[in-house]
Protein backbone atom coordinates (compact mmCIF):
# COMPACT_ATOMS: atom_id res chain seq x y z
CA MET A 1 -32.32 -25.14 163.21
CA GLN A 2 -30.62 -21.26 163.86
CA ILE A 3 -32.09 -18.53 164.92
CA ARG A 4 -31.01 -15.37 165.37
CA TRP A 5 -32.70 -12.44 166.28
CA TYR A 6 -31.93 -8.79 164.98
CA GLY A 7 -34.45 -7.14 166.28
CA GLN A 8 -38.19 -5.78 165.93
CA ALA A 9 -39.93 -8.65 163.41
CA ALA A 10 -36.53 -9.91 161.92
CA PHE A 11 -34.99 -13.05 162.54
CA ARG A 12 -32.81 -15.54 160.29
CA LEU A 13 -34.09 -18.77 160.56
CA GLU A 14 -31.20 -21.55 158.91
CA ALA A 15 -31.90 -25.00 158.29
CA GLU A 16 -29.27 -28.09 159.04
CA ASP A 17 -29.16 -28.05 155.14
CA GLY A 18 -27.58 -24.68 154.85
CA THR A 19 -31.24 -23.08 153.50
CA SER A 20 -31.83 -20.13 155.30
CA VAL A 21 -34.97 -17.77 155.33
CA ILE A 22 -34.69 -13.77 156.83
CA THR A 23 -38.20 -12.67 158.36
CA ASP A 24 -39.77 -8.83 158.40
CA PRO A 25 -36.03 -6.82 157.76
CA TYR A 26 -35.95 -3.38 158.89
CA THR A 27 -34.91 -0.05 158.11
CA PRO A 28 -32.17 0.30 160.62
CA ASP A 29 -31.99 3.89 160.49
CA LEU A 30 -35.75 4.02 161.22
CA LEU A 31 -35.69 1.76 164.12
CA GLY A 32 -31.83 1.73 165.62
CA TYR A 33 -30.92 -1.92 165.24
CA ALA A 34 -27.83 -2.82 163.64
CA PRO A 35 -27.76 -2.99 159.81
CA ILE A 36 -28.33 -7.08 158.33
CA LYS A 37 -25.71 -8.19 156.77
CA ASP A 38 -26.53 -11.28 156.41
CA SER A 39 -27.40 -13.22 153.16
CA ALA A 40 -30.75 -15.69 152.65
CA ASP A 41 -32.14 -17.76 150.48
CA LEU A 42 -35.55 -16.89 151.23
CA VAL A 43 -36.83 -12.82 152.26
CA ILE A 44 -40.13 -12.91 153.47
CA ILE A 45 -42.28 -9.63 154.08
CA SER A 46 -45.39 -9.11 155.82
CA SER A 47 -46.21 -6.23 153.24
CA GLU A 48 -44.91 -3.79 150.60
CA ASP A 49 -44.98 -0.46 152.32
CA ASP A 50 -44.17 -0.67 156.25
CA GLN A 51 -40.49 0.19 156.73
CA ALA A 52 -40.07 -1.40 159.77
CA HIS A 53 -40.98 -5.16 157.89
CA CYS A 54 -40.47 -4.62 154.17
CA ARG A 55 -36.63 -3.76 153.88
CA ALA A 56 -35.83 -6.99 151.75
CA ASP A 57 -34.20 -4.68 149.13
CA LEU A 58 -31.52 -3.90 152.15
CA ILE A 59 -30.55 -7.72 152.60
CA PRO A 60 -27.12 -8.90 150.68
CA GLY A 61 -27.28 -11.06 147.80
CA ASP A 62 -30.44 -11.91 145.58
CA PRO A 63 -32.47 -13.39 147.42
CA ALA A 64 -35.84 -14.82 146.27
CA VAL A 65 -38.54 -12.52 148.33
CA ILE A 66 -42.10 -13.20 149.12
CA ASN A 67 -44.94 -10.55 149.92
CA ALA A 68 -47.16 -12.48 152.59
CA LEU A 69 -49.74 -9.77 152.26
CA ASP A 70 -50.04 -10.40 148.54
CA LEU A 71 -49.62 -14.56 148.96
CA ALA A 72 -52.46 -13.91 151.25
CA LEU A 73 -54.53 -12.41 148.80
CA ASP A 74 -53.82 -14.74 145.64
CA ASP A 75 -52.85 -18.27 145.84
CA LYS A 76 -51.94 -18.88 149.86
CA VAL A 77 -49.31 -20.56 149.52
CA THR A 78 -46.05 -20.58 147.37
CA THR A 79 -42.98 -22.44 147.20
CA SER A 80 -39.68 -20.54 146.48
CA ALA A 81 -36.17 -21.36 146.84
CA GLY A 82 -37.50 -24.68 148.10
CA VAL A 83 -39.13 -23.53 151.28
CA THR A 84 -43.31 -24.04 151.53
CA VAL A 85 -44.95 -20.44 152.27
CA ARG A 86 -48.69 -20.16 153.30
CA ALA A 87 -49.67 -17.05 154.48
CA ILE A 88 -52.96 -15.58 155.51
CA GLU A 89 -53.98 -11.19 155.58
CA ALA A 90 -53.90 -9.30 158.83
CA ALA A 91 -54.62 -5.76 159.74
CA GLU A 92 -52.43 -2.93 161.95
CA TRP A 93 -53.38 -1.47 165.18
CA VAL A 94 -57.16 -0.35 164.29
CA ASN A 95 -55.91 2.87 165.75
CA HIS A 96 -52.69 3.20 164.55
CA PRO A 97 -50.86 6.39 164.69
CA ARG A 98 -50.36 6.85 160.69
CA GLY A 99 -54.16 6.61 160.28
CA VAL A 100 -55.15 3.78 157.95
CA PRO A 101 -54.24 0.34 159.86
CA GLY A 102 -52.46 -0.60 157.42
CA GLN A 103 -52.49 -4.47 155.51
CA ASN A 104 -49.88 -7.15 156.03
CA GLY A 105 -49.62 -10.91 156.23
CA MET A 106 -48.99 -13.57 158.87
CA TYR A 107 -47.04 -16.28 157.68
CA ARG A 108 -46.30 -19.72 158.48
CA PHE A 109 -43.32 -22.49 156.70
CA GLU A 110 -41.01 -25.55 158.04
CA LEU A 111 -37.80 -25.91 158.06
CA ASP A 112 -36.24 -29.13 159.81
CA GLY A 113 -39.51 -30.66 160.03
CA LEU A 114 -40.17 -27.72 162.43
CA LYS A 115 -43.49 -25.67 161.99
CA ILE A 116 -42.59 -21.82 162.42
CA ALA A 117 -45.17 -19.05 162.04
CA HIS A 118 -44.25 -15.54 162.13
CA MET A 119 -47.27 -12.84 163.17
CA GLY A 120 -46.33 -10.25 160.55
CA ASP A 121 -47.99 -7.16 162.07
CA VAL A 122 -51.17 -7.77 163.43
CA GLY A 123 -52.91 -5.57 165.50
CA ASN A 124 -56.54 -7.10 166.16
CA PRO A 125 -57.74 -10.08 167.86
CA LEU A 126 -57.38 -13.19 165.88
CA ASN A 127 -61.06 -13.90 164.41
CA ASP A 128 -61.53 -18.10 163.94
CA GLN A 129 -59.80 -18.10 160.37
CA GLN A 130 -57.03 -16.39 161.85
CA MET A 131 -56.61 -18.45 164.96
CA ALA A 132 -56.86 -22.08 163.21
CA PHE A 133 -53.94 -20.57 160.87
CA PHE A 134 -51.66 -21.58 163.70
CA GLU A 135 -52.54 -24.67 164.35
CA ASP A 136 -50.17 -27.56 165.07
CA VAL A 137 -47.48 -24.64 165.46
CA ASP A 138 -43.68 -25.56 167.09
CA VAL A 139 -42.25 -22.26 167.18
CA LEU A 140 -44.32 -19.09 167.19
CA LEU A 141 -42.82 -15.49 166.39
CA ALA A 142 -45.01 -13.51 168.62
CA LEU A 143 -45.87 -9.64 168.45
CA ALA A 144 -44.94 -9.34 172.01
CA GLY A 145 -45.29 -5.52 172.64
CA GLY A 146 -49.06 -4.56 172.95
CA TYR A 147 -49.19 -1.09 171.44
CA LEU A 148 -49.49 -0.55 167.25
CA THR A 149 -49.54 -5.06 167.43
CA ILE A 150 -52.09 -7.33 168.70
CA GLU A 151 -52.94 -6.23 172.83
CA LEU A 152 -51.29 -9.13 175.13
CA PRO A 153 -54.42 -10.53 176.69
CA ASP A 154 -55.66 -11.30 172.79
CA LEU A 155 -52.23 -12.61 172.01
CA ASP A 156 -52.37 -15.03 175.26
CA THR A 157 -55.99 -16.14 173.97
CA MET A 158 -54.46 -17.06 171.18
CA ILE A 159 -51.34 -19.26 172.23
CA LYS A 160 -53.90 -20.84 175.26
CA ARG A 161 -55.98 -22.03 172.42
CA MET A 162 -53.69 -22.93 169.54
CA LYS A 163 -50.96 -23.94 171.96
CA PRO A 164 -47.94 -23.23 170.06
CA LYS A 165 -44.84 -25.35 171.65
CA LEU A 166 -41.90 -22.76 171.55
CA VAL A 167 -42.97 -19.06 171.74
CA ILE A 168 -40.52 -16.54 171.04
CA PRO A 169 -41.31 -13.00 171.88
CA MET A 170 -40.43 -9.93 169.11
CA HIS A 171 -41.64 -6.43 168.09
CA PHE A 172 -41.20 -5.48 172.22
CA ARG A 173 -39.56 -2.60 173.79
CA THR A 174 -36.00 -2.57 173.96
CA LEU A 175 -33.02 -0.29 175.02
CA THR A 176 -32.42 0.14 171.60
CA TYR A 177 -36.14 0.75 170.09
CA LYS A 178 -38.17 2.63 172.70
CA PRO A 179 -41.72 3.95 170.95
CA ARG A 180 -44.08 5.16 173.56
CA ASN A 181 -46.64 2.95 175.72
CA THR A 182 -44.79 -0.33 173.25
CA MET A 183 -44.00 -2.64 176.42
CA TRP A 184 -41.23 -4.41 177.51
CA ILE A 185 -40.94 -8.15 177.74
CA GLU A 186 -42.07 -7.79 181.12
CA SER A 187 -45.32 -7.27 180.92
CA PHE A 188 -45.48 -10.45 178.33
CA LEU A 189 -43.89 -12.52 180.87
CA SER A 190 -46.84 -11.90 183.38
CA TYR A 191 -49.03 -14.16 182.10
CA TYR A 192 -46.46 -18.00 182.32
CA ASP A 193 -44.71 -18.84 185.58
CA ASP A 194 -41.11 -18.73 185.62
CA ALA A 195 -40.99 -22.17 185.20
CA GLN A 196 -42.11 -21.83 181.91
CA VAL A 197 -39.87 -19.51 180.21
CA ASP A 198 -36.13 -20.02 178.93
CA PHE A 199 -33.48 -17.33 178.62
CA ALA A 200 -31.22 -17.85 175.66
CA LEU A 201 -28.73 -14.88 176.57
CA ASP A 202 -27.72 -14.69 173.31
CA HIS A 203 -28.99 -13.19 169.59
CA THR A 204 -28.57 -16.38 168.01
CA THR A 205 -29.55 -20.00 169.31
CA LYS A 206 -30.00 -23.51 167.99
CA ILE A 207 -33.29 -25.48 168.45
CA GLY A 208 -34.06 -29.08 166.74
CA LYS A 209 -37.20 -31.47 167.37
CA ALA A 210 -35.93 -32.76 170.29
CA ASP A 211 -35.66 -29.24 171.73
CA ILE A 212 -39.29 -29.06 171.50
CA PRO A 213 -41.76 -29.07 174.16
CA SER A 214 -44.78 -31.07 174.58
CA GLU A 215 -46.74 -27.93 176.27
CA THR A 216 -45.95 -24.26 175.57
CA ARG A 217 -42.66 -22.34 177.09
CA VAL A 218 -41.59 -18.95 175.26
CA LEU A 219 -37.84 -18.77 174.67
CA VAL A 220 -36.69 -15.07 175.07
CA MET A 221 -33.62 -14.40 172.91
CA ASP A 222 -31.85 -10.31 173.24
CA TYR A 223 -31.16 -9.04 169.47
CA MET A 224 -28.50 -8.16 167.55
CA ARG A 225 -26.25 -5.94 168.22
């Protein structure tokens, strides 16, 4: 499976058979990250009203689109473009500067036999039901910037309890995206020994079942420019 990180919470994951999924596409002018020019079979958004997480309309072609919040509030599971997606309801940071925290969905799906989970835009400690949603995950796309999303100690509690095999951080401060109080990646990495952390040094990498570790490791990716 090929994984590409565009920035913020947007990834493109492509299976060996060519099936592709893009997660939480953003508004380029809002965040400063490059426009997403790749197509996909399926786009999953964590909500429909957050310009940093919902811009399925900007993805080229005519992909199928799943709103994870709608899915979480309805059937909990659906299959589209050959990909089965599950979702659970979440909420933004309770003290969000926009005022009332927005509802969103965390979601998971499988490609190439790997169980992948995306944390959406959750901003609060996870309850037991939300924790259990991440059971047996191979690849966790984790909110690692603290401010505006789940605080790092609460994220660490979830990771230590649910033990995802490979954690790929997202939504942290970068040289392009620098909101006040959002943390650099070093803050998230302080929870790990150096020996537990790998660096892709690129915005695209390949992962197969043989690359999934037996115990939790972190893979830090660069974002596409």
